[in-house]
Amino acid sequence: MQKNLITFDCGLSYVGAALFDMETSKMLNCYYIDTTIDNRDEAEQTADLVRRIYDVFLPYLENAKIVVEYPEQYEMTPVPRSSVQGLACTGGGIVCMLKKPTNSVKFVLPKTWKKQVPKDIMLTRIESKLNDDEKNLLDNQKFAKYKRHNVVDAIGLGLYVLDRLGR
């Protein structure tokens, strides 16, 4: 039986992440993890980020379910293809590094769990589903306010997997 759920919202040089207890469906912690390597060498940057993620989550990998939001290139989007490829690379690195014989890994497309809900509405919806202890965990994190949405998306992905997100 899986004990922990670990979810990720990937960026090119950072991730938002959340850790949940599968038995109670409660969020245990949330994270913003980044790399100090600039993007002059994206492979080095991705490798450093994935290693940092591994170091944070190593104690939780046994019997864990790991879910990573996997990017999709939409038609008519202004987002450059290279950015989407970079996000896919980060997600692939995460699942390769964290996969163990006792756990499972899964990719989920944004449209699968968020549908086409506008970002500000979705972030509000996610935060409204947190209990007081979970809200405090999020509010007490030490990261810049403009990075909060990445962590909230990772939390939302976890709530979706645990069937706590609803409509």
Protein backbone atom coordinates (compact mmCIF):
# COMPACT_ATOMS: atom_id res chain seq x y z
CA MET A 1 0.00 0.00 0.00
CA GLN A 2 1.26 3.46 -0.85
CA LYS A 3 2.07 5.65 2.12
CA ASN A 4 3.01 9.04 0.67
CA LEU A 5 1.90 11.07 -2.30
CA ILE A 6 4.47 13.48 -3.73
CA THR A 7 3.35 15.92 -6.43
CA PHE A 8 5.29 18.32 -8.64
CA ASP A 9 4.58 21.40 -10.73
CA CYS A 10 7.71 21.81 -12.86
CA GLY A 11 9.48 24.93 -13.97
CA LEU A 12 12.67 25.20 -15.97
CA SER A 13 14.88 25.84 -12.93
CA TYR A 14 12.50 25.15 -10.04
CA VAL A 15 9.57 23.05 -8.90
CA GLY A 16 6.61 23.50 -6.63
CA ALA A 17 6.07 20.29 -4.68
CA ALA A 18 3.73 18.87 -2.07
CA LEU A 19 3.83 15.87 0.24
CA PHE A 20 0.65 14.14 1.38
CA ASP A 21 -0.17 11.20 3.64
CA MET A 22 -2.15 8.78 1.45
CA GLU A 23 -3.95 7.21 4.40
CA THR A 24 -5.34 10.45 5.82
CA SER A 25 -5.27 12.50 2.56
CA LYS A 26 -3.68 15.35 4.53
CA MET A 27 -0.90 17.55 3.23
CA LEU A 28 2.23 17.08 5.34
CA ASN A 29 4.34 19.81 3.73
CA CYS A 30 4.87 21.89 0.61
CA TYR A 31 8.04 23.12 -1.04
CA TYR A 32 9.60 25.47 -3.53
CA ILE A 33 12.87 23.93 -4.73
CA ASP A 34 15.17 25.67 -7.16
CA THR A 35 18.70 25.56 -8.51
CA THR A 36 21.38 28.19 -8.23
CA ILE A 37 22.84 27.24 -11.62
CA ASP A 38 21.82 29.72 -14.31
CA ASN A 39 20.43 28.43 -17.59
CA ARG A 40 23.62 28.84 -19.61
CA ASP A 41 23.84 25.06 -19.48
CA GLU A 42 20.34 23.63 -19.17
CA ALA A 43 21.53 20.03 -18.69
CA GLU A 44 23.62 21.03 -15.67
CA GLN A 45 20.76 23.13 -14.33
CA THR A 46 18.25 20.28 -14.68
CA ALA A 47 20.66 17.76 -13.13
CA ASP A 48 21.26 20.05 -10.13
CA LEU A 49 17.54 20.65 -9.65
CA VAL A 50 16.68 16.95 -9.83
CA ARG A 51 19.46 16.12 -7.35
CA ARG A 52 18.09 18.74 -4.94
CA ILE A 53 14.61 17.23 -5.28
CA TYR A 54 15.99 13.76 -4.60
CA ASP A 55 17.75 15.00 -1.45
CA VAL A 56 14.52 16.52 -0.11
CA PHE A 57 12.26 13.53 -0.85
CA LEU A 58 14.58 10.57 -0.24
CA PRO A 59 13.07 9.88 3.22
CA TYR A 60 9.58 9.63 1.69
CA LEU A 61 10.17 7.45 -1.39
CA GLU A 62 9.35 4.00 0.01
CA ASN A 63 5.80 3.06 -0.99
CA ALA A 64 5.21 6.50 -2.46
CA LYS A 65 3.09 7.61 -5.37
CA ILE A 66 4.85 10.32 -7.35
CA VAL A 67 2.79 12.47 -9.71
CA VAL A 68 4.29 15.08 -12.00
CA GLU A 69 2.37 17.62 -14.05
CA TYR A 70 3.53 16.97 -17.60
CA PRO A 71 3.43 19.89 -20.03
CA GLU A 72 1.53 19.89 -23.27
CA GLN A 73 2.11 22.19 -26.23
CA TYR A 74 -1.24 23.66 -27.22
CA GLU A 75 -2.04 24.89 -30.70
CA MET A 76 -1.92 28.64 -31.10
CA THR A 77 -0.08 29.14 -27.80
CA PRO A 78 2.50 31.90 -27.48
CA VAL A 79 4.65 29.67 -25.26
CA PRO A 80 7.85 28.70 -27.11
CA ARG A 81 8.28 25.01 -27.86
CA SER A 82 11.69 25.06 -26.19
CA SER A 83 10.09 26.05 -22.87
CA VAL A 84 7.66 23.14 -23.02
CA GLN A 85 10.51 20.79 -23.90
CA GLY A 86 12.46 22.07 -20.89
CA LEU A 87 9.52 21.40 -18.57
CA ALA A 88 9.18 17.89 -20.01
CA CYS A 89 12.89 17.32 -19.40
CA THR A 90 12.56 18.39 -15.76
CA GLY A 91 9.55 16.10 -15.27
CA GLY A 92 11.36 13.18 -16.88
CA GLY A 93 14.38 13.74 -14.68
CA ILE A 94 12.20 13.75 -11.58
CA VAL A 95 10.47 10.46 -12.35
CA CYS A 96 13.76 8.80 -13.33
CA MET A 97 15.51 9.92 -10.15
CA LEU A 98 12.66 9.18 -7.74
CA LYS A 99 11.39 5.88 -9.17
CA LYS A 100 12.06 2.96 -6.82
CA PRO A 101 10.82 -0.66 -6.91
CA THR A 102 8.36 0.09 -4.08
CA ASN A 103 6.79 3.22 -5.52
CA SER A 104 4.97 4.38 -8.62
CA VAL A 105 5.36 7.37 -10.91
CA LYS A 106 2.78 9.04 -13.12
CA PHE A 107 2.49 12.03 -15.42
CA VAL A 108 -0.75 14.05 -15.49
CA LEU A 109 -1.54 16.68 -18.12
CA PRO A 110 -2.69 20.09 -16.83
CA LYS A 111 -5.96 19.84 -18.78
CA THR A 112 -6.71 16.54 -17.04
CA TRP A 113 -6.72 17.93 -13.53
CA LYS A 114 -7.30 21.68 -14.01
CA LYS A 115 -9.52 21.45 -17.07
CA GLN A 116 -9.47 24.88 -18.70
CA VAL A 117 -10.16 26.85 -15.52
CA PRO A 118 -8.39 30.26 -15.51
CA LYS A 119 -5.27 30.31 -13.33
CA ASP A 120 -6.49 32.82 -10.71
CA ILE A 121 -9.78 30.96 -10.23
CA MET A 122 -7.98 27.62 -9.98
CA LEU A 123 -5.49 28.90 -7.39
CA THR A 124 -8.35 30.25 -5.25
CA ARG A 125 -10.22 26.95 -5.60
CA ILE A 126 -7.18 24.93 -4.52
CA GLU A 127 -6.50 27.07 -1.45
CA SER A 128 -10.18 26.91 -0.45
CA LYS A 129 -9.88 23.10 -0.17
CA LEU A 130 -7.09 23.24 2.42
CA ASN A 131 -7.81 22.80 6.11
CA ASP A 132 -6.37 25.29 8.62
CA ASP A 133 -3.23 23.24 9.31
CA GLU A 134 -2.54 22.91 5.60
CA LYS A 135 -3.10 26.62 5.01
CA ASN A 136 -0.61 27.36 7.78
CA LEU A 137 1.96 25.06 6.16
CA LEU A 138 1.62 26.97 2.91
CA ASP A 139 1.55 30.41 4.53
CA ASN A 140 4.66 29.68 6.62
CA GLN A 141 6.86 28.75 3.68
CA LYS A 142 9.82 31.02 2.98
CA PHE A 143 9.71 31.84 -0.72
CA ALA A 144 8.96 34.92 -2.77
CA LYS A 145 5.26 35.64 -3.18
CA TYR A 146 5.49 35.41 -6.99
CA LYS A 147 6.57 31.75 -6.61
CA ARG A 148 3.54 30.78 -4.55
CA HIS A 149 1.44 29.75 -7.56
CA ASN A 150 3.92 26.96 -8.39
CA VAL A 151 3.56 25.48 -4.92
CA VAL A 152 -0.22 25.90 -4.98
CA ASP A 153 -0.39 24.07 -8.33
CA ALA A 154 1.58 21.15 -6.84
CA ILE A 155 -0.83 21.12 -3.90
CA GLY A 156 -3.79 21.21 -6.29
CA LEU A 157 -2.42 18.24 -8.22
CA GLY A 158 -2.21 16.34 -4.93
CA LEU A 159 -5.75 17.30 -3.98
CA TYR A 160 -6.90 16.11 -7.42
CA VAL A 161 -5.17 12.73 -7.00
CA LEU A 162 -6.69 12.36 -3.53
CA ASP A 163 -10.14 13.31 -4.85
CA ARG A 164 -10.26 16.39 -2.60
CA LEU A 165 -10.37 19.03 -5.30
CA GLY A 166 -13.94 18.62 -6.48
CA ARG A 167 -15.47 21.33 -8.64
